[in-house]
Amino acid sequence: MIRMVLERLGLFAVPFLLFAGYLAAGRQGLKATRTPRPLIWLAASGLVLVIASFVYAGLFGGVSTQGRYVPPSYVHGKIVPAHIRGDTNP
């Protein structure tokens, strides 16, 4: 869960980091922006990236719902990890 939150925060920070790199490359420095207009556009583009990542994760991420879950078990002295069995019959 924490990994997903950190990924989303990273995506939100990408436009700000790119803008800071742009200002640094132009030798203007970070104090050159006096108006909040660039920050509004950066925040909006960061939110668009985060929302797009949520949509992508919802459509293409996750685990298959086909099959039957078999919990971890102890068989013949060894621990068998949890897995999904391919048959759909309970």
N, C-alpha and C. Protein backbone atom coordinates (compact mmCIF):
# COMPACT_ATOMS: atom_id res chain seq x y z
N MET A 1 0.82 -1.19 0.00
CA MET A 1 0.00 0.00 0.00
C MET A 1 0.87 1.26 0.00
N ILE A 2 1.93 1.23 0.83
CA ILE A 2 2.78 2.41 0.91
C ILE A 2 3.49 2.64 -0.42
N ARG A 3 3.81 1.55 -1.13
CA ARG A 3 4.47 1.69 -2.43
C ARG A 3 3.56 2.41 -3.41
N MET A 4 2.28 2.08 -3.41
CA MET A 4 1.34 2.74 -4.31
C MET A 4 1.23 4.23 -3.99
N VAL A 5 1.20 4.57 -2.73
CA VAL A 5 1.11 5.98 -2.33
C VAL A 5 2.37 6.73 -2.76
N LEU A 6 3.54 6.12 -2.55
CA LEU A 6 4.78 6.77 -2.96
C LEU A 6 4.87 6.93 -4.47
N GLU A 7 4.37 5.95 -5.22
CA GLU A 7 4.36 6.09 -6.68
C GLU A 7 3.47 7.25 -7.11
N ARG A 8 2.32 7.38 -6.49
CA ARG A 8 1.41 8.47 -6.86
C ARG A 8 2.00 9.82 -6.49
N LEU A 9 2.64 9.90 -5.34
CA LEU A 9 3.29 11.16 -4.94
C LEU A 9 4.44 11.49 -5.89
N GLY A 10 5.16 10.47 -6.32
CA GLY A 10 6.23 10.69 -7.29
C GLY A 10 5.70 11.21 -8.61
N LEU A 11 4.58 10.63 -9.07
CA LEU A 11 3.98 11.12 -10.30
C LEU A 11 3.51 12.56 -10.16
N PHE A 12 3.00 12.91 -8.99
CA PHE A 12 2.56 14.28 -8.76
C PHE A 12 3.74 15.24 -8.77
N ALA A 13 4.90 14.77 -8.32
CA ALA A 13 6.08 15.64 -8.22
C ALA A 13 6.81 15.81 -9.55
N VAL A 14 6.56 14.94 -10.53
CA VAL A 14 7.29 15.00 -11.80
C VAL A 14 7.20 16.36 -12.48
N PRO A 15 6.02 16.97 -12.66
CA PRO A 15 5.98 18.28 -13.33
C PRO A 15 6.76 19.36 -12.58
N PHE A 16 6.73 19.33 -11.25
CA PHE A 16 7.47 20.31 -10.47
C PHE A 16 8.97 20.13 -10.66
N LEU A 17 9.44 18.89 -10.68
CA LEU A 17 10.86 18.63 -10.87
C LEU A 17 11.31 19.03 -12.27
N LEU A 18 10.48 18.76 -13.27
CA LEU A 18 10.82 19.17 -14.63
C LEU A 18 10.89 20.69 -14.74
N PHE A 19 9.98 21.39 -14.10
CA PHE A 19 9.99 22.85 -14.13
C PHE A 19 11.21 23.40 -13.42
N ALA A 20 11.57 22.81 -12.29
CA ALA A 20 12.77 23.24 -11.58
C ALA A 20 14.02 23.01 -12.43
N GLY A 21 14.05 21.88 -13.15
CA GLY A 21 15.17 21.63 -14.06
C GLY A 21 15.21 22.62 -15.20
N TYR A 22 14.05 22.99 -15.71
CA TYR A 22 13.97 23.99 -16.78
C TYR A 22 14.50 25.34 -16.30
N LEU A 23 14.10 25.75 -15.10
CA LEU A 23 14.58 27.02 -14.57
C LEU A 23 16.09 26.98 -14.30
N ALA A 24 16.56 25.86 -13.79
CA ALA A 24 17.98 25.74 -13.51
C ALA A 24 18.79 25.74 -14.81
N ALA A 25 18.27 25.10 -15.85
CA ALA A 25 18.98 25.06 -17.13
C ALA A 25 19.01 26.44 -17.79
N GLY A 26 17.99 27.24 -17.55
CA GLY A 26 17.93 28.58 -18.12
C GLY A 26 18.66 29.61 -17.29
N ARG A 27 19.33 29.16 -16.24
CA ARG A 27 20.09 30.04 -15.35
C ARG A 27 19.23 31.15 -14.75
N GLN A 28 17.95 30.91 -14.64
CA GLN A 28 17.07 31.91 -14.05
C GLN A 28 16.97 31.72 -12.54
N GLY A 29 17.20 30.51 -12.09
CA GLY A 29 17.07 30.22 -10.67
C GLY A 29 15.62 29.98 -10.29
N LEU A 30 15.43 29.40 -9.15
CA LEU A 30 14.07 29.08 -8.71
C LEU A 30 13.32 30.30 -8.21
N LYS A 31 14.01 31.42 -7.93
CA LYS A 31 13.34 32.61 -7.43
C LYS A 31 12.81 33.49 -8.56
N ALA A 32 13.00 33.08 -9.81
CA ALA A 32 12.58 33.91 -10.94
C ALA A 32 11.07 33.93 -11.11
N THR A 33 10.37 32.94 -10.60
CA THR A 33 8.92 32.89 -10.77
C THR A 33 8.25 33.62 -9.61
N ARG A 34 7.68 34.73 -9.89
CA ARG A 34 7.01 35.52 -8.86
C ARG A 34 5.49 35.27 -8.86
N THR A 35 4.95 34.89 -9.98
CA THR A 35 3.51 34.67 -10.07
C THR A 35 3.18 33.21 -9.78
N PRO A 36 2.00 32.96 -9.21
CA PRO A 36 1.63 31.58 -8.91
C PRO A 36 1.10 30.81 -10.13
N ARG A 37 1.02 31.46 -11.30
CA ARG A 37 0.46 30.82 -12.48
C ARG A 37 1.18 29.52 -12.84
N PRO A 38 2.53 29.47 -12.90
CA PRO A 38 3.17 28.20 -13.22
C PRO A 38 2.87 27.11 -12.20
N LEU A 39 2.75 27.50 -10.94
CA LEU A 39 2.47 26.50 -9.92
C LEU A 39 1.07 25.91 -10.08
N ILE A 40 0.13 26.72 -10.52
CA ILE A 40 -1.23 26.22 -10.77
C ILE A 40 -1.21 25.20 -11.89
N TRP A 41 -0.50 25.52 -12.98
CA TRP A 41 -0.41 24.57 -14.10
C TRP A 41 0.35 23.31 -13.70
N LEU A 42 1.38 23.45 -12.90
CA LEU A 42 2.13 22.28 -12.45
C LEU A 42 1.28 21.38 -11.56
N ALA A 43 0.53 21.98 -10.65
CA ALA A 43 -0.33 21.18 -9.78
C ALA A 43 -1.42 20.48 -10.59
N ALA A 44 -1.99 21.19 -11.56
CA ALA A 44 -3.03 20.58 -12.39
C ALA A 44 -2.47 19.44 -13.22
N SER A 45 -1.29 19.61 -13.80
CA SER A 45 -0.72 18.53 -14.59
C SER A 45 -0.31 17.36 -13.71
N GLY A 46 0.14 17.63 -12.49
CA GLY A 46 0.45 16.55 -11.56
C GLY A 46 -0.79 15.76 -11.19
N LEU A 47 -1.89 16.46 -10.95
CA LEU A 47 -3.14 15.77 -10.64
C LEU A 47 -3.63 14.93 -11.82
N VAL A 48 -3.46 15.44 -13.04
CA VAL A 48 -3.85 14.67 -14.22
C VAL A 48 -3.02 13.39 -14.30
N LEU A 49 -1.72 13.47 -14.03
CA LEU A 49 -0.88 12.28 -14.04
C LEU A 49 -1.31 11.26 -12.99
N VAL A 50 -1.63 11.73 -11.80
CA VAL A 50 -2.06 10.83 -10.73
C VAL A 50 -3.39 10.17 -11.09
N ILE A 51 -4.34 10.94 -11.59
CA ILE A 51 -5.64 10.38 -11.98
C ILE A 51 -5.46 9.37 -13.11
N ALA A 52 -4.60 9.69 -14.08
CA ALA A 52 -4.34 8.75 -15.17
C ALA A 52 -3.71 7.47 -14.65
N SER A 53 -2.86 7.57 -13.65
CA SER A 53 -2.26 6.36 -13.09
C SER A 53 -3.31 5.52 -12.36
N PHE A 54 -4.26 6.16 -11.69
CA PHE A 54 -5.34 5.42 -11.04
C PHE A 54 -6.20 4.70 -12.08
N VAL A 55 -6.51 5.38 -13.16
CA VAL A 55 -7.32 4.76 -14.22
C VAL A 55 -6.56 3.58 -14.82
N TYR A 56 -5.27 3.76 -15.10
CA TYR A 56 -4.47 2.68 -15.67
C TYR A 56 -4.40 1.49 -14.71
N ALA A 57 -4.17 1.74 -13.43
CA ALA A 57 -4.10 0.66 -12.46
C ALA A 57 -5.45 -0.05 -12.33
N GLY A 58 -6.53 0.70 -12.42
CA GLY A 58 -7.84 0.09 -12.32
C GLY A 58 -8.20 -0.77 -13.52
N LEU A 59 -7.75 -0.36 -14.69
CA LEU A 59 -8.09 -1.10 -15.90
C LEU A 59 -7.15 -2.27 -16.17
N PHE A 60 -5.86 -2.08 -15.94
CA PHE A 60 -4.89 -3.08 -16.35
C PHE A 60 -4.14 -3.74 -15.19
N GLY A 61 -4.30 -3.25 -13.99
CA GLY A 61 -3.58 -3.80 -12.85
C GLY A 61 -4.43 -4.82 -12.11
N GLY A 62 -3.87 -5.36 -11.07
CA GLY A 62 -4.61 -6.28 -10.24
C GLY A 62 -4.35 -7.73 -10.59
N VAL A 63 -5.05 -8.58 -9.87
CA VAL A 63 -4.89 -10.02 -10.01
C VAL A 63 -6.12 -10.59 -10.71
N SER A 64 -5.92 -11.64 -11.45
CA SER A 64 -7.02 -12.29 -12.16
C SER A 64 -8.05 -12.82 -11.16
N THR A 65 -9.29 -12.75 -11.53
CA THR A 65 -10.35 -13.27 -10.66
C THR A 65 -10.74 -14.68 -11.04
N GLN A 66 -10.06 -15.26 -11.99
CA GLN A 66 -10.33 -16.64 -12.41
C GLN A 66 -9.54 -17.60 -11.52
N GLY A 67 -10.12 -18.73 -11.22
CA GLY A 67 -9.43 -19.73 -10.42
C GLY A 67 -9.89 -19.72 -8.97
N ARG A 68 -9.22 -20.56 -8.19
CA ARG A 68 -9.58 -20.72 -6.79
C ARG A 68 -8.35 -20.47 -5.93
N TYR A 69 -8.51 -19.67 -4.90
CA TYR A 69 -7.43 -19.35 -3.98
C TYR A 69 -7.17 -20.52 -3.06
N VAL A 70 -5.90 -20.92 -2.96
CA VAL A 70 -5.49 -21.98 -2.05
C VAL A 70 -4.57 -21.33 -1.02
N PRO A 71 -4.98 -21.31 0.25
CA PRO A 71 -4.17 -20.63 1.27
C PRO A 71 -2.86 -21.39 1.52
N PRO A 72 -1.90 -20.76 2.19
CA PRO A 72 -0.66 -21.46 2.49
C PRO A 72 -0.92 -22.66 3.38
N SER A 73 -0.13 -23.70 3.19
CA SER A 73 -0.34 -24.91 3.98
C SER A 73 1.00 -25.58 4.28
N TYR A 74 0.95 -26.53 5.19
CA TYR A 74 2.13 -27.27 5.61
C TYR A 74 1.95 -28.70 5.12
N VAL A 75 2.73 -29.10 4.09
CA VAL A 75 2.57 -30.42 3.47
C VAL A 75 3.92 -31.13 3.47
N HIS A 76 3.94 -32.34 4.05
CA HIS A 76 5.14 -33.18 4.07
C HIS A 76 6.37 -32.44 4.60
N GLY A 77 6.20 -31.68 5.65
CA GLY A 77 7.31 -30.99 6.28
C GLY A 77 7.75 -29.72 5.60
N LYS A 78 7.05 -29.28 4.57
CA LYS A 78 7.41 -28.05 3.88
C LYS A 78 6.21 -27.12 3.81
N ILE A 79 6.50 -25.82 3.82
CA ILE A 79 5.44 -24.82 3.71
C ILE A 79 5.20 -24.55 2.23
N VAL A 80 3.94 -24.74 1.82
CA VAL A 80 3.54 -24.45 0.44
C VAL A 80 2.91 -23.07 0.44
N PRO A 81 3.46 -22.11 -0.31
CA PRO A 81 2.90 -20.76 -0.30
C PRO A 81 1.50 -20.72 -0.94
N ALA A 82 0.81 -19.66 -0.64
CA ALA A 82 -0.52 -19.46 -1.22
C ALA A 82 -0.41 -19.34 -2.73
N HIS A 83 -1.42 -19.82 -3.44
CA HIS A 83 -1.43 -19.75 -4.88
C HIS A 83 -2.85 -19.81 -5.40
N ILE A 84 -2.99 -19.56 -6.68
CA ILE A 84 -4.30 -19.64 -7.34
C ILE A 84 -4.31 -20.90 -8.19
N ARG A 85 -5.27 -21.76 -7.95
CA ARG A 85 -5.41 -22.96 -8.74
C ARG A 85 -6.28 -22.62 -9.96
N GLY A 86 -5.91 -23.15 -11.10
CA GLY A 86 -6.57 -22.79 -12.35
C GLY A 86 -8.03 -23.20 -12.48
N ASP A 87 -8.46 -24.22 -11.80
CA ASP A 87 -9.87 -24.63 -11.93
C ASP A 87 -10.78 -23.67 -11.22
N THR A 88 -11.98 -23.49 -11.74
CA THR A 88 -12.92 -22.54 -11.14
C THR A 88 -13.98 -23.25 -10.30
N ASN A 89 -13.94 -24.57 -10.23
CA ASN A 89 -14.89 -25.31 -9.40
C ASN A 89 -14.47 -25.24 -7.95
N PRO A 90 -15.40 -24.96 -7.03
CA PRO A 90 -15.03 -24.86 -5.61
C PRO A 90 -14.76 -26.17 -4.97
